[in-house]
Amino acid sequence: MNEKIDRKFSSQEPLTITRTFMAPRDQIFDGFINDEKLKQWWSPKDFTCSYFKNDPRVGGTYLGCMRSSDGKKIWSKGYYIEIRAAEKLKYSDSFADENGKVVPATVYHMSSEFPLECIVEIVFSDVVDGTKITLKHSGIPEVDLKNCTLGWEECLNKLGALVENSGRSNRSEAEIRSTSTSVNQNIDYV
């Protein structure tokens, strides 16, 4: 954490996604901090997570790589600000190179308005037969909001399939499909 980071954030409200999973809180939380599980879901559709190294403790860091079907790589890094097991995660999120050096979003064809550092906060809560997460990603510029929202939704779909399929034998197919997602941004999907 000895790199200097631009701490300017977008003035807009954070991207907020609420998602319910038919799995216990500790299992969902583990999906966010376990390297092997992160490699299975931490990428949108048509991408894979080819690398994820994580040190999930306050001040600990992560470095991950999403790889597109045509071989393009997008690296991300951050550090943990707050961790309360099965209750809350808060961490920084920056684009990076393969060595973990923070790079501008333009390297990955995102807008120049993207700050060098964003903040992601995830709150985990119990609901009947499962877990609700509320994910807030602060700092995303308006121009990149649609793609970031879709990316998070596709990642969370993969996480849902991972954790919900692990408990599949005890539930009906209808119960497994009964997850929900809501997003607080008004986005015109073209």
Protein backbone atom coordinates (compact mmCIF):
# COMPACT_ATOMS: atom_id res chain seq x y z
CA MET A 1 0.00 0.00 0.00
CA ASN A 2 2.90 2.41 -0.49
CA GLU A 3 1.58 3.49 -3.91
CA LYS A 4 -0.01 6.90 -4.12
CA ILE A 5 -3.65 6.52 -5.13
CA ASP A 6 -5.95 9.21 -6.53
CA ARG A 7 -8.67 9.37 -3.88
CA LYS A 8 -11.16 11.41 -5.90
CA PHE A 9 -14.49 9.69 -6.24
CA SER A 10 -17.40 10.27 -8.57
CA SER A 11 -19.99 12.57 -7.05
CA GLN A 12 -22.82 10.28 -8.14
CA GLU A 13 -24.41 7.70 -5.91
CA PRO A 14 -22.64 4.33 -5.83
CA LEU A 15 -23.78 1.48 -8.00
CA THR A 16 -25.91 -0.61 -5.63
CA ILE A 17 -26.96 -4.19 -6.29
CA THR A 18 -29.06 -6.24 -3.91
CA ARG A 19 -29.01 -9.97 -4.51
CA THR A 20 -30.56 -12.89 -2.61
CA PHE A 21 -28.90 -16.31 -2.63
CA MET A 22 -30.42 -19.58 -1.45
CA ALA A 23 -27.36 -20.38 0.69
CA PRO A 24 -26.17 -19.51 4.21
CA ARG A 25 -24.27 -16.27 4.92
CA ASP A 26 -20.98 -17.97 5.80
CA GLN A 27 -21.00 -19.81 2.47
CA ILE A 28 -21.66 -16.60 0.49
CA PHE A 29 -19.02 -14.71 2.48
CA ASP A 30 -16.51 -17.50 1.84
CA GLY A 31 -17.20 -17.13 -1.88
CA PHE A 32 -15.92 -13.55 -1.63
CA ILE A 33 -12.66 -14.33 0.21
CA ASN A 34 -11.60 -17.86 -0.85
CA ASP A 35 -9.13 -17.79 -3.78
CA GLU A 36 -10.33 -21.03 -5.33
CA LYS A 37 -13.98 -20.00 -5.16
CA LEU A 38 -13.21 -16.52 -6.49
CA LYS A 39 -11.54 -18.11 -9.52
CA GLN A 40 -14.84 -19.83 -10.29
CA TRP A 41 -17.07 -16.74 -10.30
CA TRP A 42 -15.06 -13.50 -10.33
CA SER A 43 -15.57 -12.64 -13.99
CA PRO A 44 -18.52 -11.70 -16.18
CA LYS A 45 -20.04 -13.92 -18.85
CA ASP A 46 -17.58 -14.90 -21.60
CA PHE A 47 -14.64 -14.28 -19.22
CA THR A 48 -12.80 -16.54 -16.82
CA CYS A 49 -10.80 -15.68 -13.74
CA SER A 50 -7.35 -16.95 -14.70
CA TYR A 51 -5.59 -15.74 -11.55
CA PHE A 52 -6.62 -14.68 -8.05
CA LYS A 53 -4.29 -14.21 -5.09
CA ASN A 54 -5.93 -12.94 -1.94
CA ASP A 55 -4.90 -12.02 1.61
CA PRO A 56 -8.31 -11.40 3.25
CA ARG A 57 -7.42 -9.38 6.34
CA VAL A 58 -7.61 -5.65 7.06
CA GLY A 59 -4.69 -4.16 5.15
CA GLY A 60 -4.27 -7.36 3.14
CA THR A 61 -4.35 -7.17 -0.65
CA TYR A 62 -5.70 -9.03 -3.64
CA LEU A 63 -4.66 -9.29 -7.26
CA GLY A 64 -6.94 -10.88 -9.82
CA CYS A 65 -7.12 -11.34 -13.56
CA MET A 66 -10.19 -11.72 -15.76
CA ARG A 67 -9.51 -13.25 -19.18
CA SER A 68 -11.86 -12.79 -22.12
CA SER A 69 -12.66 -15.56 -24.58
CA ASP A 70 -10.30 -13.91 -27.09
CA GLY A 71 -7.44 -13.90 -24.57
CA LYS A 72 -7.50 -10.26 -23.40
CA LYS A 73 -6.63 -9.87 -19.73
CA ILE A 74 -7.97 -7.31 -17.26
CA TRP A 75 -6.09 -7.13 -13.96
CA SER A 76 -7.49 -5.69 -10.75
CA LYS A 77 -6.01 -5.10 -7.33
CA GLY A 78 -7.07 -3.69 -4.01
CA TYR A 79 -6.70 -3.81 -0.27
CA TYR A 80 -9.13 -4.69 2.50
CA ILE A 81 -10.45 -1.80 4.59
CA GLU A 82 -12.96 -3.66 6.76
CA ILE A 83 -13.75 -7.34 7.26
CA ARG A 84 -16.45 -8.68 9.56
CA ALA A 85 -16.85 -12.41 8.91
CA ALA A 86 -20.18 -13.21 7.22
CA GLU A 87 -21.37 -9.62 7.86
CA LYS A 88 -19.37 -7.08 5.84
CA LEU A 89 -16.50 -6.64 3.39
CA LYS A 90 -15.10 -3.28 2.34
CA TYR A 91 -12.15 -3.01 -0.01
CA SER A 92 -10.53 -0.80 -2.60
CA ASP A 93 -10.65 -1.71 -6.27
CA SER A 94 -8.23 -0.50 -8.94
CA PHE A 95 -7.23 -1.53 -12.43
CA ALA A 96 -3.70 -2.91 -12.42
CA ASP A 97 -1.08 -4.63 -14.51
CA GLU A 98 0.06 -8.23 -13.98
CA ASN A 99 2.60 -7.04 -11.38
CA GLY A 100 -0.07 -5.30 -9.29
CA LYS A 101 0.87 -1.76 -10.30
CA VAL A 102 -2.21 0.49 -10.51
CA VAL A 103 -2.94 1.63 -14.06
CA PRO A 104 -5.58 3.99 -15.47
CA ALA A 105 -8.84 2.47 -16.71
CA THR A 106 -7.98 3.64 -20.23
CA VAL A 107 -5.45 0.78 -20.43
CA TYR A 108 -8.51 -1.50 -20.55
CA HIS A 109 -10.57 0.75 -22.85
CA MET A 110 -12.67 2.22 -20.05
CA SER A 111 -13.24 5.97 -19.77
CA SER A 112 -10.62 8.39 -18.53
CA GLU A 113 -13.20 9.52 -15.94
CA PHE A 114 -12.68 6.31 -13.95
CA PRO A 115 -10.75 7.10 -10.75
CA LEU A 116 -7.58 5.15 -9.99
CA GLU A 117 -9.32 3.74 -6.91
CA CYS A 118 -12.94 2.79 -6.23
CA ILE A 119 -14.45 1.37 -3.04
CA VAL A 120 -16.59 -1.76 -2.88
CA GLU A 121 -18.71 -2.51 0.20
CA ILE A 122 -20.76 -5.69 0.62
CA VAL A 123 -23.16 -6.26 3.51
CA PHE A 124 -24.43 -9.81 4.15
CA SER A 125 -27.74 -10.41 5.95
CA ASP A 126 -29.99 -13.38 6.68
CA VAL A 127 -33.28 -13.81 4.87
CA VAL A 128 -35.68 -16.76 4.90
CA ASP A 129 -33.76 -19.76 3.50
CA GLY A 130 -30.78 -17.72 2.40
CA THR A 131 -28.64 -14.63 2.34
CA LYS A 132 -29.14 -11.14 0.98
CA ILE A 133 -26.13 -9.12 -0.08
CA THR A 134 -26.13 -5.40 -0.68
CA LEU A 135 -23.15 -4.46 -2.82
CA LYS A 136 -22.13 -0.83 -3.27
CA HIS A 137 -19.41 0.08 -5.76
CA SER A 138 -18.45 3.74 -5.38
CA GLY A 139 -16.60 5.82 -7.95
CA ILE A 140 -17.91 4.41 -11.21
CA PRO A 141 -18.39 7.20 -13.76
CA GLU A 142 -21.76 7.53 -15.44
CA VAL A 143 -20.33 6.57 -18.83
CA ASP A 144 -19.12 3.17 -17.48
CA LEU A 145 -22.09 2.45 -15.22
CA LYS A 146 -24.02 0.22 -17.62
CA ASN A 147 -21.07 -2.10 -18.34
CA CYS A 148 -20.04 -2.26 -14.67
CA THR A 149 -23.60 -3.08 -13.61
CA LEU A 150 -23.86 -5.86 -16.20
CA GLY A 151 -20.44 -7.16 -15.18
CA TRP A 152 -21.37 -7.37 -11.50
CA GLU A 153 -24.71 -9.02 -12.31
CA GLU A 154 -23.00 -11.66 -14.46
CA CYS A 155 -20.38 -12.30 -11.77
CA LEU A 156 -23.06 -12.66 -9.10
CA ASN A 157 -24.96 -15.08 -11.35
CA LYS A 158 -21.83 -17.26 -11.40
CA LEU A 159 -21.47 -16.99 -7.62
CA GLY A 160 -25.12 -17.97 -7.24
CA ALA A 161 -24.65 -21.04 -9.42
CA LEU A 162 -21.54 -22.00 -7.46
CA VAL A 163 -23.00 -21.75 -3.95
CA GLU A 164 -26.54 -22.80 -4.74
CA ASN A 165 -25.49 -25.89 -6.70
CA SER A 166 -23.41 -27.04 -3.73
CA GLY A 167 -26.67 -27.41 -1.73
CA ARG A 168 -28.80 -28.58 -4.64
CA SER A 169 -29.58 -32.06 -3.28
CA ASN A 170 -31.70 -30.62 -0.47
CA ARG A 171 -33.85 -28.23 -2.52
CA SER A 172 -36.20 -28.34 -5.46
CA GLU A 173 -35.26 -26.78 -8.81
CA ALA A 174 -37.80 -23.97 -8.19
CA GLU A 175 -36.11 -23.04 -4.92
CA ILE A 176 -32.70 -22.93 -6.57
CA ARG A 177 -33.96 -20.56 -9.27
CA SER A 178 -35.63 -18.23 -6.78
CA THR A 179 -32.79 -15.73 -6.45
CA SER A 180 -33.43 -12.07 -7.06
CA THR A 181 -31.44 -9.05 -8.10
CA SER A 182 -32.26 -5.37 -7.93
CA VAL A 183 -30.14 -2.45 -9.08
CA ASN A 184 -30.62 1.15 -7.94
CA GLN A 185 -29.44 2.86 -11.11
CA ASN A 186 -31.75 3.88 -13.94
CA ILE A 187 -29.92 2.51 -16.95
CA ASP A 188 -31.22 2.54 -20.47
CA TYR A 189 -30.36 -0.93 -21.80
CA VAL A 190 -30.12 -0.59 -25.57
